[in-house]
Amino acid sequence: SAAFGVASLLAAYAPGAGWLILARALLGVAGATIM
């Protein structure tokens, strides 16, 4: 859950498409721990 919050911040303020893709992948990692 903590990692999900950090990845959400990274996604919200992503400066480019590459950063947003990375943030979405990190959200997937965090989501896989939660479900």
Full PDB file with SEQRES, HELIX, SHEET, SSBOND, CRYST1, ORIGX, SCALE, CONECT and MASTER records, all heavy atoms in Angstrom:
SEQRES   1 A   35  SER ALA ALA PHE GLY VAL ALA SER LEU LEU ALA ALA TYR          
SEQRES   2 A   35  ALA PRO GLY ALA GLY TRP LEU ILE LEU ALA ARG ALA LEU          
SEQRES   3 A   35  LEU GLY VAL ALA GLY ALA THR ILE MET                          
HELIX    1 AA1 ALA A    2  ALA A   12  1                                  11    
HELIX    2 AA2 ALA A   17  ILE A   34  1                                  18    
CRYST1    1.000    1.000    1.000  90.00  90.00  90.00 P 1           1          
ORIGX1      1.000000  0.000000  0.000000        0.00000                         
ORIGX2      0.000000  1.000000  0.000000        0.00000                         
ORIGX3      0.000000  0.000000  1.000000        0.00000                         
SCALE1      1.000000  0.000000  0.000000        0.00000                         
SCALE2      0.000000  1.000000  0.000000        0.00000                         
SCALE3      0.000000  0.000000  1.000000        0.00000                         
ATOM      1  N   SER A   1       0.825  -1.207   0.000  1.00  0.00           N  
ATOM      2  CA  SER A   1       0.000   0.000   0.000  1.00  0.00           C  
ATOM      3  C   SER A   1       0.865   1.265   0.000  1.00  0.00           C  
ATOM      4  O   SER A   1       0.570   2.235  -0.719  1.00  0.00           O  
ATOM      5  CB  SER A   1      -0.926   0.006   1.221  1.00  0.00           C  
ATOM      6  OG  SER A   1      -1.788  -1.118   1.201  1.00  0.00           O  
ATOM      7  N   ALA A   2       1.930   1.249   0.798  1.00  0.00           N  
ATOM      8  CA  ALA A   2       2.851   2.394   0.809  1.00  0.00           C  
ATOM      9  C   ALA A   2       3.489   2.578  -0.566  1.00  0.00           C  
ATOM     10  O   ALA A   2       3.596   3.706  -1.079  1.00  0.00           O  
ATOM     11  CB  ALA A   2       3.918   2.190   1.877  1.00  0.00           C  
ATOM     12  N   ALA A   3       3.910   1.467  -1.186  1.00  0.00           N  
ATOM     13  CA  ALA A   3       4.493   1.546  -2.526  1.00  0.00           C  
ATOM     14  C   ALA A   3       3.462   2.046  -3.542  1.00  0.00           C  
ATOM     15  O   ALA A   3       3.804   2.786  -4.477  1.00  0.00           O  
ATOM     16  CB  ALA A   3       5.019   0.173  -2.944  1.00  0.00           C  
ATOM     17  N   PHE A   4       2.205   1.681  -3.347  1.00  0.00           N  
ATOM     18  CA  PHE A   4       1.144   2.137  -4.237  1.00  0.00           C  
ATOM     19  C   PHE A   4       1.012   3.658  -4.175  1.00  0.00           C  
ATOM     20  O   PHE A   4       0.820   4.325  -5.200  1.00  0.00           O  
ATOM     21  CB  PHE A   4      -0.183   1.478  -3.829  1.00  0.00           C  
ATOM     22  CG  PHE A   4      -1.204   1.414  -4.920  1.00  0.00           C  
ATOM     23  CD1 PHE A   4      -1.285   0.298  -5.741  1.00  0.00           C  
ATOM     24  CD2 PHE A   4      -2.098   2.444  -5.128  1.00  0.00           C  
ATOM     25  CE1 PHE A   4      -2.235   0.227  -6.752  1.00  0.00           C  
ATOM     26  CE2 PHE A   4      -3.045   2.385  -6.136  1.00  0.00           C  
ATOM     27  CZ  PHE A   4      -3.111   1.272  -6.947  1.00  0.00           C  
ATOM     28  N   GLY A   5       1.124   4.211  -2.970  1.00  0.00           N  
ATOM     29  CA  GLY A   5       1.057   5.663  -2.817  1.00  0.00           C  
ATOM     30  C   GLY A   5       2.214   6.371  -3.493  1.00  0.00           C  
ATOM     31  O   GLY A   5       2.032   7.386  -4.178  1.00  0.00           O  
ATOM     32  N   VAL A   6       3.433   5.842  -3.323  1.00  0.00           N  
ATOM     33  CA  VAL A   6       4.610   6.444  -3.953  1.00  0.00           C  
ATOM     34  C   VAL A   6       4.499   6.392  -5.473  1.00  0.00           C  
ATOM     35  O   VAL A   6       4.769   7.377  -6.177  1.00  0.00           O  
ATOM     36  CB  VAL A   6       5.896   5.731  -3.471  1.00  0.00           C  
ATOM     37  CG1 VAL A   6       7.108   6.234  -4.251  1.00  0.00           C  
ATOM     38  CG2 VAL A   6       6.099   5.955  -1.971  1.00  0.00           C  
ATOM     39  N   ALA A   7       4.089   5.243  -6.004  1.00  0.00           N  
ATOM     40  CA  ALA A   7       3.943   5.103  -7.452  1.00  0.00           C  
ATOM     41  C   ALA A   7       2.844   6.018  -7.991  1.00  0.00           C  
ATOM     42  O   ALA A   7       2.948   6.532  -9.115  1.00  0.00           O  
ATOM     43  CB  ALA A   7       3.638   3.653  -7.805  1.00  0.00           C  
ATOM     44  N   SER A   8       1.799   6.250  -7.200  1.00  0.00           N  
ATOM     45  CA  SER A   8       0.736   7.168  -7.618  1.00  0.00           C  
ATOM     46  C   SER A   8       1.264   8.591  -7.755  1.00  0.00           C  
ATOM     47  O   SER A   8       0.907   9.318  -8.695  1.00  0.00           O  
ATOM     48  CB  SER A   8      -0.423   7.129  -6.615  1.00  0.00           C  
ATOM     49  OG  SER A   8      -1.013   5.851  -6.565  1.00  0.00           O  
ATOM     50  N   LEU A   9       2.104   9.021  -6.808  1.00  0.00           N  
ATOM     51  CA  LEU A   9       2.723  10.351  -6.900  1.00  0.00           C  
ATOM     52  C   LEU A   9       3.593  10.455  -8.144  1.00  0.00           C  
ATOM     53  O   LEU A   9       3.558  11.469  -8.863  1.00  0.00           O  
ATOM     54  CB  LEU A   9       3.560  10.630  -5.650  1.00  0.00           C  
ATOM     55  CG  LEU A   9       2.830  11.110  -4.401  1.00  0.00           C  
ATOM     56  CD1 LEU A   9       3.789  11.180  -3.221  1.00  0.00           C  
ATOM     57  CD2 LEU A   9       2.197  12.479  -4.662  1.00  0.00           C  
ATOM     58  N   LEU A  10       4.378   9.423  -8.414  1.00  0.00           N  
ATOM     59  CA  LEU A  10       5.237   9.415  -9.589  1.00  0.00           C  
ATOM     60  C   LEU A  10       4.402   9.492 -10.866  1.00  0.00           C  
ATOM     61  O   LEU A  10       4.754  10.213 -11.811  1.00  0.00           O  
ATOM     62  CB  LEU A  10       6.091   8.143  -9.600  1.00  0.00           C  
ATOM     63  CG  LEU A  10       7.040   7.952 -10.791  1.00  0.00           C  
ATOM     64  CD1 LEU A  10       8.042   9.093 -10.873  1.00  0.00           C  
ATOM     65  CD2 LEU A  10       7.774   6.617 -10.672  1.00  0.00           C  
ATOM     66  N   ALA A  11       3.285   8.782 -10.906  1.00  0.00           N  
ATOM     67  CA  ALA A  11       2.421   8.809 -12.089  1.00  0.00           C  
ATOM     68  C   ALA A  11       1.770  10.173 -12.273  1.00  0.00           C  
ATOM     69  O   ALA A  11       1.687  10.699 -13.393  1.00  0.00           O  
ATOM     70  CB  ALA A  11       1.351   7.727 -11.977  1.00  0.00           C  
ATOM     71  N   ALA A  12       1.307  10.771 -11.184  1.00  0.00           N  
ATOM     72  CA  ALA A  12       0.599  12.052 -11.275  1.00  0.00           C  
ATOM     73  C   ALA A  12       1.489  13.156 -11.829  1.00  0.00           C  
ATOM     74  O   ALA A  12       1.016  14.037 -12.558  1.00  0.00           O  
ATOM     75  CB  ALA A  12       0.064  12.452  -9.898  1.00  0.00           C  
ATOM     76  N   TYR A  13       2.768  13.132 -11.477  1.00  0.00           N  
ATOM     77  CA  TYR A  13       3.681  14.200 -11.890  1.00  0.00           C  
ATOM     78  C   TYR A  13       4.720  13.708 -12.894  1.00  0.00           C  
ATOM     79  O   TYR A  13       5.808  14.279 -13.004  1.00  0.00           O  
ATOM     80  CB  TYR A  13       4.364  14.800 -10.666  1.00  0.00           C  
ATOM     81  CG  TYR A  13       3.399  15.482  -9.735  1.00  0.00           C  
ATOM     82  CD1 TYR A  13       2.986  14.876  -8.545  1.00  0.00           C  
ATOM     83  CD2 TYR A  13       2.852  16.721 -10.062  1.00  0.00           C  
ATOM     84  CE1 TYR A  13       2.085  15.496  -7.696  1.00  0.00           C  
ATOM     85  CE2 TYR A  13       1.943  17.350  -9.217  1.00  0.00           C  
ATOM     86  CZ  TYR A  13       1.565  16.732  -8.039  1.00  0.00           C  
ATOM     87  OH  TYR A  13       0.663  17.352  -7.214  1.00  0.00           O  
ATOM     88  N   ALA A  14       4.380  12.659 -13.648  1.00  0.00           N  
ATOM     89  CA  ALA A  14       5.307  12.122 -14.645  1.00  0.00           C  
ATOM     90  C   ALA A  14       5.618  13.186 -15.699  1.00  0.00           C  
ATOM     91  O   ALA A  14       4.690  13.748 -16.303  1.00  0.00           O  
ATOM     92  CB  ALA A  14       4.711  10.889 -15.307  1.00  0.00           C  
ATOM     93  N   PRO A  15       6.897  13.461 -15.945  1.00  0.00           N  
ATOM     94  CA  PRO A  15       7.240  14.500 -16.926  1.00  0.00           C  
ATOM     95  C   PRO A  15       7.170  14.028 -18.373  1.00  0.00           C  
ATOM     96  O   PRO A  15       7.233  14.850 -19.290  1.00  0.00           O  
ATOM     97  CB  PRO A  15       8.690  14.851 -16.543  1.00  0.00           C  
ATOM     98  CG  PRO A  15       9.232  13.592 -15.944  1.00  0.00           C  
ATOM     99  CD  PRO A  15       8.077  12.931 -15.245  1.00  0.00           C  
ATOM    100  N   GLY A  16       7.082  12.736 -18.574  1.00  0.00           N  
ATOM    101  CA  GLY A  16       7.039  12.219 -19.933  1.00  0.00           C  
ATOM    102  C   GLY A  16       6.369  10.871 -19.977  1.00  0.00           C  
ATOM    103  O   GLY A  16       6.053  10.263 -18.938  1.00  0.00           O  
ATOM    104  N   ALA A  17       6.145  10.358 -21.192  1.00  0.00           N  
ATOM    105  CA  ALA A  17       5.441   9.091 -21.352  1.00  0.00           C  
ATOM    106  C   ALA A  17       6.215   7.929 -20.735  1.00  0.00           C  
ATOM    107  O   ALA A  17       5.624   7.019 -20.137  1.00  0.00           O  
ATOM    108  CB  ALA A  17       5.191   8.821 -22.840  1.00  0.00           C  
ATOM    109  N   GLY A  18       7.557   7.946 -20.865  1.00  0.00           N  
ATOM    110  CA  GLY A  18       8.362   6.869 -20.297  1.00  0.00           C  
ATOM    111  C   GLY A  18       8.206   6.774 -18.785  1.00  0.00           C  
ATOM    112  O   GLY A  18       8.104   5.678 -18.225  1.00  0.00           O  
ATOM    113  N   TRP A  19       8.211   7.925 -18.123  1.00  0.00           N  
ATOM    114  CA  TRP A  19       8.026   7.940 -16.672  1.00  0.00           C  
ATOM    115  C   TRP A  19       6.646   7.416 -16.281  1.00  0.00           C  
ATOM    116  O   TRP A  19       6.493   6.704 -15.288  1.00  0.00           O  
ATOM    117  CB  TRP A  19       8.211   9.358 -16.131  1.00  0.00           C  
ATOM    118  CG  TRP A  19       9.642   9.748 -15.935  1.00  0.00           C  
ATOM    119  CD1 TRP A  19      10.418  10.491 -16.759  1.00  0.00           C  
ATOM    120  CD2 TRP A  19      10.475   9.378 -14.825  1.00  0.00           C  
ATOM    121  NE1 TRP A  19      11.689  10.618 -16.245  1.00  0.00           N  
ATOM    122  CE2 TRP A  19      11.751   9.947 -15.054  1.00  0.00           C  
ATOM    123  CE3 TRP A  19      10.270   8.627 -13.670  1.00  0.00           C  
ATOM    124  CZ2 TRP A  19      12.809   9.789 -14.180  1.00  0.00           C  
ATOM    125  CZ3 TRP A  19      11.317   8.463 -12.787  1.00  0.00           C  
ATOM    126  CH2 TRP A  19      12.566   9.035 -13.041  1.00  0.00           C  
ATOM    127  N   LEU A  20       5.635   7.775 -17.065  1.00  0.00           N  
ATOM    128  CA  LEU A  20       4.276   7.319 -16.749  1.00  0.00           C  
ATOM    129  C   LEU A  20       4.153   5.808 -16.923  1.00  0.00           C  
ATOM    130  O   LEU A  20       3.502   5.130 -16.122  1.00  0.00           O  
ATOM    131  CB  LEU A  20       3.261   8.048 -17.631  1.00  0.00           C  
ATOM    132  CG  LEU A  20       1.783   7.735 -17.353  1.00  0.00           C  
ATOM    133  CD1 LEU A  20       1.432   7.984 -15.894  1.00  0.00           C  
ATOM    134  CD2 LEU A  20       0.877   8.571 -18.261  1.00  0.00           C  
ATOM    135  N   ILE A  21       4.784   5.253 -17.958  1.00  0.00           N  
ATOM    136  CA  ILE A  21       4.773   3.798 -18.149  1.00  0.00           C  
ATOM    137  C   ILE A  21       5.445   3.111 -16.971  1.00  0.00           C  
ATOM    138  O   ILE A  21       4.943   2.103 -16.433  1.00  0.00           O  
ATOM    139  CB  ILE A  21       5.471   3.428 -19.475  1.00  0.00           C  
ATOM    140  CG1 ILE A  21       4.643   3.923 -20.659  1.00  0.00           C  
ATOM    141  CG2 ILE A  21       5.688   1.916 -19.567  1.00  0.00           C  
ATOM    142  CD1 ILE A  21       5.361   3.814 -21.991  1.00  0.00           C  
ATOM    143  N   LEU A  22       6.600   3.650 -16.529  1.00  0.00           N  
ATOM    144  CA  LEU A  22       7.291   3.086 -15.368  1.00  0.00           C  
ATOM    145  C   LEU A  22       6.410   3.152 -14.130  1.00  0.00           C  
ATOM    146  O   LEU A  22       6.325   2.180 -13.358  1.00  0.00           O  
ATOM    147  CB  LEU A  22       8.600   3.839 -15.137  1.00  0.00           C  
ATOM    148  CG  LEU A  22       9.372   3.469 -13.860  1.00  0.00           C  
ATOM    149  CD1 LEU A  22       9.807   2.003 -13.899  1.00  0.00           C  
ATOM    150  CD2 LEU A  22      10.587   4.385 -13.682  1.00  0.00           C  
ATOM    151  N   ALA A  23       5.762   4.291 -13.923  1.00  0.00           N  
ATOM    152  CA  ALA A  23       4.904   4.437 -12.746  1.00  0.00           C  
ATOM    153  C   ALA A  23       3.737   3.470 -12.791  1.00  0.00           C  
ATOM    154  O   ALA A  23       3.352   2.882 -11.771  1.00  0.00           O  
ATOM    155  CB  ALA A  23       4.400   5.882 -12.650  1.00  0.00           C  
ATOM    156  N   ARG A  24       3.151   3.276 -13.966  1.00  0.00           N  
ATOM    157  CA  ARG A  24       2.043   2.328 -14.088  1.00  0.00           C  
ATOM    158  C   ARG A  24       2.506   0.904 -13.808  1.00  0.00           C  
ATOM    159  O   ARG A  24       1.788   0.115 -13.192  1.00  0.00           O  
ATOM    160  CB  ARG A  24       1.446   2.415 -15.497  1.00  0.00           C  
ATOM    161  CG  ARG A  24       0.683   3.692 -15.764  1.00  0.00           C  
ATOM    162  CD  ARG A  24      -0.689   3.669 -15.151  1.00  0.00           C  
ATOM    163  NE  ARG A  24      -1.570   2.755 -15.858  1.00  0.00           N  
ATOM    164  CZ  ARG A  24      -2.752   2.347 -15.394  1.00  0.00           C  
ATOM    165  NH1 ARG A  24      -3.170   2.742 -14.204  1.00  0.00           N  
ATOM    166  NH2 ARG A  24      -3.501   1.524 -16.084  1.00  0.00           N  
ATOM    167  N   ALA A  25       3.719   0.555 -14.245  1.00  0.00           N  
ATOM    168  CA  ALA A  25       4.258  -0.771 -13.946  1.00  0.00           C  
ATOM    169  C   ALA A  25       4.475  -0.939 -12.447  1.00  0.00           C  
ATOM    170  O   ALA A  25       4.165  -2.000 -11.873  1.00  0.00           O  
ATOM    171  CB  ALA A  25       5.566  -0.988 -14.702  1.00  0.00           C  
ATOM    172  N   LEU A  26       4.992   0.100 -11.777  1.00  0.00           N  
ATOM    173  CA  LEU A  26       5.188   0.034 -10.330  1.00  0.00           C  
ATOM    174  C   LEU A  26       3.850  -0.078  -9.599  1.00  0.00           C  
ATOM    175  O   LEU A  26       3.738  -0.777  -8.583  1.00  0.00           O  
ATOM    176  CB  LEU A  26       5.951   1.265  -9.844  1.00  0.00           C  
ATOM    177  CG  LEU A  26       7.402   1.368 -10.311  1.00  0.00           C  
ATOM    178  CD1 LEU A  26       8.020   2.689  -9.845  1.00  0.00           C  
ATOM    179  CD2 LEU A  26       8.220   0.193  -9.773  1.00  0.00           C  
ATOM    180  N   LEU A  27       2.828   0.594 -10.114  1.00  0.00           N  
ATOM    181  CA  LEU A  27       1.491   0.437  -9.536  1.00  0.00           C  
ATOM    182  C   LEU A  27       1.012  -1.008  -9.673  1.00  0.00           C  
ATOM    183  O   LEU A  27       0.343  -1.543  -8.772  1.00  0.00           O  
ATOM    184  CB  LEU A  27       0.505   1.382 -10.229  1.00  0.00           C  
ATOM    185  CG  LEU A  27       0.554   2.849  -9.803  1.00  0.00           C  
ATOM    186  CD1 LEU A  27      -0.239   3.722 -10.773  1.00  0.00           C  
ATOM    187  CD2 LEU A  27       0.018   3.024  -8.389  1.00  0.00           C  
ATOM    188  N   GLY A  28       1.355  -1.652 -10.790  1.00  0.00           N  
ATOM    189  CA  GLY A  28       0.993  -3.056 -10.967  1.00  0.00           C  
ATOM    190  C   GLY A  28       1.689  -3.958  -9.970  1.00  0.00           C  
ATOM    191  O   GLY A  28       1.082  -4.886  -9.416  1.00  0.00           O  
ATOM    192  N   VAL A  29       2.994  -3.681  -9.710  1.00  0.00           N  
ATOM    193  CA  VAL A  29       3.731  -4.453  -8.697  1.00  0.00           C  
ATOM    194  C   VAL A  29       3.065  -4.295  -7.331  1.00  0.00           C  
ATOM    195  O   VAL A  29       2.828  -5.278  -6.613  1.00  0.00           O  
ATOM    196  CB  VAL A  29       5.202  -4.004  -8.635  1.00  0.00           C  
ATOM    197  CG1 VAL A  29       5.924  -4.707  -7.490  1.00  0.00           C  
ATOM    198  CG2 VAL A  29       5.910  -4.284  -9.957  1.00  0.00           C  
ATOM    199  N   ALA A  30       2.761  -3.054  -6.964  1.00  0.00           N  
ATOM    200  CA  ALA A  30       2.141  -2.800  -5.659  1.00  0.00           C  
ATOM    201  C   ALA A  30       0.748  -3.421  -5.588  1.00  0.00           C  
ATOM    202  O   ALA A  30       0.359  -4.012  -4.568  1.00  0.00           O  
ATOM    203  CB  ALA A  30       2.070  -1.295  -5.402  1.00  0.00           C  
ATOM    204  N   GLY A  31      -0.013  -3.312  -6.661  1.00  0.00           N  
ATOM    205  CA  GLY A  31      -1.347  -3.899  -6.676  1.00  0.00           C  
ATOM    206  C   GLY A  31      -1.316  -5.406  -6.522  1.00  0.00           C  
ATOM    207  O   GLY A  31      -2.200  -5.999  -5.890  1.00  0.00           O  
ATOM    208  N   ALA A  32      -0.282  -6.041  -7.080  1.00  0.00           N  
ATOM    209  CA  ALA A  32      -0.153  -7.492  -6.964  1.00  0.00           C  
ATOM    210  C   ALA A  32       0.110  -7.924  -5.531  1.00  0.00           C  
ATOM    211  O   ALA A  32      -0.194  -9.067  -5.158  1.00  0.00           O  
ATOM    212  CB  ALA A  32       0.972  -7.996  -7.876  1.00  0.00           C  
ATOM    213  N   THR A  33       0.685  -7.062  -4.708  1.00  0.00           N  
ATOM    214  CA  THR A  33       0.879  -7.390  -3.292  1.00  0.00           C  
ATOM    215  C   THR A  33      -0.408  -7.215  -2.489  1.00  0.00           C  
ATOM    216  O   THR A  33      -0.606  -7.886  -1.478  1.00  0.00           O  
ATOM    217  CB  THR A  33       1.975  -6.499  -2.667  1.00  0.00           C  
ATOM    218  OG1 THR A  33       1.511  -5.144  -2.588  1.00  0.00           O  
ATOM    219  CG2 THR A  33       3.253  -6.550  -3.467  1.00  0.00           C  
ATOM    220  N   ILE A  34      -1.274  -6.329  -2.956  1.00  0.00           N  
ATOM    221  CA  ILE A  34      -2.475  -5.986  -2.185  1.00  0.00           C  
ATOM    222  C   ILE A  34      -3.588  -7.010  -2.396  1.00  0.00           C  
ATOM    223  O   ILE A  34      -4.205  -7.486  -1.429  1.00  0.00           O  
ATOM    224  CB  ILE A  34      -2.958  -4.571  -2.565  1.00  0.00           C  
ATOM    225  CG1 ILE A  34      -1.933  -3.520  -2.118  1.00  0.00           C  
ATOM    226  CG2 ILE A  34      -4.316  -4.284  -1.926  1.00  0.00           C  
ATOM    227  CD1 ILE A  34      -2.247  -2.119  -2.604  1.00  0.00           C  
ATOM    228  N   MET A  35      -3.872  -7.381  -3.643  1.00  0.00           N  
ATOM    229  CA  MET A  35      -5.061  -8.182  -3.942  1.00  0.00           C  
ATOM    230  C   MET A  35      -5.074  -9.544  -3.238  1.00  0.00           C  
ATOM    231  O   MET A  35      -6.034  -9.860  -2.519  1.00  0.00           O  
ATOM    232  CB  MET A  35      -5.206  -8.351  -5.450  1.00  0.00           C  
ATOM    233  CG  MET A  35      -5.569  -7.075  -6.182  1.00  0.00           C  
ATOM    234  SD  MET A  35      -7.195  -6.436  -5.724  1.00  0.00           S  
ATOM    235  CE  MET A  35      -8.267  -7.511  -6.662  1.00  0.00           C  
TER     236      MET A  35                                                      
MASTER        0    0    0    2    0    0    0    6  235    1    0    3          
END                                                                             
